Protein backbone atom coordinates (compact mmCIF):
# COMPACT_ATOMS: atom_id res chain seq x y z
CA UNK A 1 12.05 -10.27 -18.97
CA UNK A 2 13.21 -7.00 -20.54
CA UNK A 3 10.98 -5.06 -18.20
CA UNK A 4 9.52 -1.80 -19.54
CA UNK A 5 11.86 -2.03 -22.52
CA UNK A 6 9.84 -4.62 -24.42
CA UNK A 7 8.94 -3.87 -28.01
CA UNK A 8 5.45 -4.61 -29.24
CA UNK A 9 6.48 -7.77 -31.06
CA UNK A 10 6.55 -9.49 -27.67
CA UNK A 11 3.53 -11.56 -26.56
CA UNK A 12 0.49 -9.50 -25.57
CA UNK A 13 0.23 -11.38 -22.28
CA UNK A 14 3.64 -10.10 -21.13
CA UNK A 15 2.89 -6.58 -22.35
CA UNK A 16 -0.33 -6.64 -20.35
CA UNK A 17 1.59 -7.45 -17.16
CA UNK A 18 4.04 -4.63 -17.84
CA UNK A 19 1.20 -2.21 -18.47
CA UNK A 20 -0.62 -3.15 -15.28
CA UNK A 21 2.55 -2.70 -13.23
CA UNK A 22 3.02 0.74 -14.73
CA UNK A 23 -0.56 1.57 -13.85
CA UNK A 24 -0.14 0.29 -10.31
CA UNK A 25 2.85 2.52 -9.78
CA UNK A 26 1.11 5.48 -11.35
CA UNK A 27 -2.08 5.24 -9.30
CA UNK A 28 -0.50 6.96 -6.32
CA UNK A 29 0.66 9.92 -8.40
CA UNK A 30 -2.49 11.94 -7.79
CA UNK A 31 -2.75 11.59 -4.01
CA UNK A 32 -3.23 15.24 -3.14
CA UNK A 33 -5.19 17.12 -0.53
CA UNK A 34 -8.55 18.87 -0.43
CA UNK A 35 -7.11 22.11 -1.80
CA UNK A 36 -8.84 24.18 -4.47
CA UNK A 37 -8.43 23.27 -8.13
CA UNK A 38 -4.94 24.19 -9.35
CA UNK A 39 -4.58 26.87 -12.00
CA UNK A 40 -1.28 25.58 -13.40
CA UNK A 41 0.87 22.47 -13.61
CA UNK A 42 3.29 24.17 -11.21
CA UNK A 43 0.58 24.26 -8.54
CA UNK A 44 0.01 20.54 -8.99
CA UNK A 45 3.73 19.86 -8.50
CA UNK A 46 3.77 22.02 -5.39
CA UNK A 47 0.81 20.07 -4.02
CA UNK A 48 2.60 16.79 -4.69
CA UNK A 49 5.63 18.09 -2.82
CA UNK A 50 3.46 18.77 0.24
CA UNK A 51 1.19 15.75 0.19
CA UNK A 52 3.55 12.95 -0.89
CA UNK A 53 5.22 13.11 2.52
CA UNK A 54 1.95 12.04 4.14
CA UNK A 55 1.28 9.09 1.86
CA UNK A 56 1.58 5.59 3.40
CA UNK A 57 -0.72 3.32 1.39
CA UNK A 58 -3.62 3.12 -1.02
CA UNK A 59 -6.28 0.56 -1.92
CA UNK A 60 -8.84 0.75 -4.73
CA UNK A 61 -11.02 -1.18 -7.13
CA UNK A 62 -9.50 -1.03 -10.58
CA UNK A 63 -10.83 -1.66 -14.08
CA UNK A 64 -8.53 -1.69 -17.09
CA UNK A 65 -9.79 -1.62 -20.69
CA UNK A 66 -7.34 -2.24 -23.54
CA UNK A 67 -8.36 -0.77 -26.91
CA UNK A 68 -6.79 -2.15 -30.09
CA UNK A 69 -7.58 0.59 -32.56
CA UNK A 70 -6.96 -1.15 -35.88
CA UNK A 71 -9.58 -3.85 -35.24
CA UNK A 72 -11.72 -1.78 -32.83
CA UNK A 73 -11.35 -4.43 -30.13
CA UNK A 74 -11.93 -3.76 -26.43
CA UNK A 75 -11.01 -6.12 -23.61
CA UNK A 76 -11.57 -5.40 -19.91
CA UNK A 77 -10.18 -6.90 -16.72
CA UNK A 78 -10.92 -5.82 -13.17
CA UNK A 79 -9.94 -6.41 -9.57
CA UNK A 80 -8.35 -4.67 -6.58
CA UNK A 81 -5.01 -2.96 -6.04
CA UNK A 82 -2.94 -2.36 -2.88
CA UNK A 83 0.16 -0.15 -2.84
CA UNK A 84 2.49 0.87 0.00
CA UNK A 85 4.95 3.72 0.36
CA UNK A 86 7.87 1.29 0.35
CA UNK A 87 7.06 0.25 -3.22
CA UNK A 88 5.32 -3.02 -2.40
CA UNK A 89 2.30 -3.72 -4.57
CA UNK A 90 -0.39 -6.38 -4.99
CA UNK A 91 -3.06 -6.59 -7.69
CA UNK A 92 -5.77 -9.23 -7.38
CA UNK A 93 -7.51 -9.59 -10.72
CA UNK A 94 -10.87 -11.31 -10.41
CA UNK A 95 -12.48 -10.90 -13.84
CA UNK A 96 -12.49 -12.37 -16.39
CA UNK A 97 -9.69 -14.69 -15.18
CA UNK A 98 -8.17 -14.70 -11.68
CA UNK A 99 -4.53 -13.61 -11.45
CA UNK A 100 -2.26 -12.19 -8.77
CA UNK A 101 0.46 -9.67 -9.65
CA UNK A 102 2.85 -9.06 -6.77
CA UNK A 103 5.84 -6.78 -6.54
CA UNK A 104 8.30 -7.22 -3.68
CA UNK A 105 11.43 -5.13 -4.11
CA UNK A 106 13.23 -6.09 -7.31
CA UNK A 107 11.00 -9.11 -7.92
CA UNK A 108 7.71 -9.33 -9.78
CA UNK A 109 5.48 -12.41 -9.51
CA UNK A 110 2.51 -13.36 -11.68
CA UNK A 111 0.38 -16.19 -10.27
CA UNK A 112 -2.27 -17.82 -12.47
CA UNK A 113 -4.33 -20.20 -10.30
CA UNK A 114 -6.15 -21.80 -13.25
CA UNK A 115 -2.92 -23.42 -14.46
CA UNK A 116 -1.14 -23.41 -11.06
CA UNK A 117 1.78 -21.41 -12.42
CA UNK A 118 3.94 -18.64 -10.92
CA UNK A 119 6.19 -16.54 -13.15
CA UNK A 120 9.02 -14.66 -11.43
CA UNK A 121 10.80 -11.70 -13.02
CA UNK A 122 13.96 -9.99 -11.77
CA UNK A 123 13.56 -6.23 -12.14
CA UNK A 124 16.98 -5.30 -10.82
CA UNK A 125 18.72 -4.84 -14.16
CA UNK A 126 15.95 -2.49 -15.30
CA UNK A 127 15.30 -0.65 -12.05
CA UNK A 128 16.06 2.73 -13.61
CA UNK A 129 13.18 2.35 -16.06
CA UNK A 130 10.88 1.03 -13.36
CA UNK A 131 11.75 4.05 -11.24
CA UNK A 132 10.64 6.33 -14.08
CA UNK A 133 7.12 5.27 -13.16
CA UNK A 134 7.85 5.36 -9.43
CA UNK A 135 8.69 9.03 -9.93
CA UNK A 136 4.98 9.50 -10.54
CA UNK A 137 4.21 8.21 -7.06
CA UNK A 138 4.52 8.77 -3.35
CA UNK A 139 7.55 10.41 -1.80
CA UNK A 140 8.62 12.10 -5.04
CA UNK A 141 9.19 15.84 -5.27
CA UNK A 142 7.50 17.89 -7.92
CA UNK A 143 10.92 18.91 -9.18
CA UNK A 144 11.88 15.28 -9.80
CA UNK A 145 8.61 14.69 -11.62
CA UNK A 146 9.19 17.78 -13.72
CA UNK A 147 12.68 16.57 -14.60
CA UNK A 148 11.33 13.34 -16.11
CA UNK A 149 8.01 14.37 -17.68
CA UNK A 150 6.66 17.27 -19.68
CA UNK A 151 3.52 18.11 -17.69
CA UNK A 152 0.62 20.03 -19.18
CA UNK A 153 -2.52 21.04 -17.30
CA UNK A 154 -5.41 20.55 -19.76
CA UNK A 155 -8.02 22.13 -17.51
CA UNK A 156 -11.27 20.99 -15.93
CA UNK A 157 -13.58 18.35 -17.39
CA UNK A 158 -16.56 16.27 -16.31
CA UNK A 159 -16.10 12.52 -15.96
CA UNK A 160 -19.48 10.95 -15.31
CA UNK A 161 -20.77 12.92 -12.34
CA UNK A 162 -17.27 13.96 -11.26
CA UNK A 163 -15.58 17.28 -11.88
CA UNK A 164 -11.97 16.49 -12.70
CA UNK A 165 -8.68 18.12 -13.60
CA UNK A 166 -6.87 16.61 -16.59
CA UNK A 167 -3.06 16.40 -16.71
CA UNK A 168 -1.10 15.32 -19.78
CA UNK A 169 2.26 13.64 -19.07
CA UNK A 170 4.86 13.11 -21.79
CA UNK A 171 7.96 11.07 -20.82
CA UNK A 172 11.29 12.76 -21.49
CA UNK A 173 13.19 9.45 -21.50
CA UNK A 174 13.49 7.85 -24.94
CA UNK A 175 13.40 4.38 -23.35
CA UNK A 176 10.05 5.15 -21.75
CA UNK A 177 8.71 6.81 -24.91
CA UNK A 178 9.59 3.65 -26.83
CA UNK A 179 6.76 2.02 -24.87
CA UNK A 180 4.38 4.77 -23.71
CA UNK A 181 4.13 7.98 -25.73
CA UNK A 182 1.73 9.87 -23.47
CA UNK A 183 -0.35 9.51 -20.30
CA UNK A 184 -3.58 11.35 -19.50
CA UNK A 185 -4.48 11.57 -15.82
CA UNK A 186 -7.87 12.70 -14.52
CA UNK A 187 -7.98 13.86 -10.86
CA UNK A 188 -11.28 14.11 -8.98
CA UNK A 189 -11.61 17.66 -7.65
CA UNK A 190 -13.88 16.53 -4.81
CA UNK A 191 -11.32 14.17 -3.29
CA UNK A 192 -8.09 15.02 -5.17
CA UNK A 193 -7.60 11.32 -5.86
CA UNK A 194 -7.14 9.66 -9.27
CA UNK A 195 -10.36 8.97 -11.16
CA UNK A 196 -9.06 7.70 -14.50
CA UNK A 197 -5.88 7.28 -16.55
CA UNK A 198 -5.19 6.71 -20.23
CA UNK A 199 -1.93 5.26 -21.55
CA UNK A 200 -1.02 5.58 -25.25
CA UNK A 201 1.25 2.87 -26.68
CA UNK A 202 3.99 4.13 -28.94
CA UNK A 203 3.62 3.42 -32.63
CA UNK A 204 0.48 1.29 -32.61
CA UNK A 205 -2.13 3.91 -31.73
CA UNK A 206 -3.53 1.46 -29.17
CA UNK A 207 -4.30 2.64 -25.66
CA UNK A 208 -5.68 1.45 -22.34
CA UNK A 209 -7.94 3.24 -19.90
CA UNK A 210 -7.86 2.62 -16.16
CA UNK A 211 -10.74 3.58 -13.87
CA UNK A 212 -10.37 3.71 -10.07
CA UNK A 213 -13.25 3.53 -7.60
CA UNK A 214 -13.68 2.98 -3.86
CA UNK A 215 -10.27 4.49 -3.12
CA UNK A 216 -8.98 4.43 0.46
CA UNK A 217 -5.81 6.24 1.51
CA UNK A 218 -3.41 5.38 4.34
CA UNK A 219 -5.07 2.15 5.42
CA UNK A 220 -3.02 -0.45 7.26
CA UNK A 221 -1.59 -3.07 4.90
CA UNK A 222 0.20 -5.94 6.62
CA UNK A 223 3.57 -7.22 5.40
CA UNK A 224 1.98 -10.62 4.82
CA UNK A 225 -0.07 -9.17 1.96
CA UNK A 226 3.10 -8.74 -0.08
CA UNK A 227 4.86 -12.03 0.61
CA UNK A 228 5.23 -14.46 -2.32
CA UNK A 229 3.36 -17.32 -0.66
CA UNK A 230 1.67 -19.68 -3.13
CA UNK A 231 -0.39 -22.87 -2.78
CA UNK A 232 1.32 -26.23 -2.80
CA UNK A 233 1.85 -27.84 -6.15
CA UNK A 234 2.39 -24.72 -8.26
CA UNK A 235 4.91 -24.67 -11.07
CA UNK A 236 7.51 -21.91 -10.67
CA UNK A 237 9.25 -20.53 -13.76
CA UNK A 238 11.59 -17.64 -14.55
CA UNK A 239 10.75 -16.55 -18.12
CA UNK A 240 13.51 -15.05 -20.20
CA UNK A 241 13.14 -12.04 -22.47
């Protein structure tokens, strides 16, 4: 699979997996402390420099809504996400159809229990593009983030009952911009954790919104959670791009 370099003529199912992986890696980008609301993007980057060193793991409920603008169509899927500092990730989608998305190093697995099928993708050849999203996460300095994204602080807003700070992120890499033109990130000022994200697809005008709730930071996540263990009788395939 031409990971994160797919054009939009590819099947929507594969694009959805790519988008959710990007989201999963981005969720940890806003793990900051209980400091006061920043007055500039530079203050946000400084906070990331300080707090990323303390990040070990994150779990949350996640809801993703894809909006296809031209036909005004909205589709939503939801579940739980687990992410560790070492880059391991697991998403358990429970609605509307169960799926497991697992990242273990340079390998990505998508398990669909309804059809007893596991798809395995090798990310190694495209690790540089994957790491563009990892730069939004734990253990990354603000300077590295600044080198890869144009970051604009859009100010304070209200999201439901939450007071949030909105950041606008524009990728500097043309390869990334070929897929995602812009990312909006809302950070809850009460907890300094991510509340919502919006990804804009390049060219189509379509976008998806991701909402995070019940977030827990630095919980213990066992290695076994990220092992590619599947039930007996599944079909294993390695799709090609």
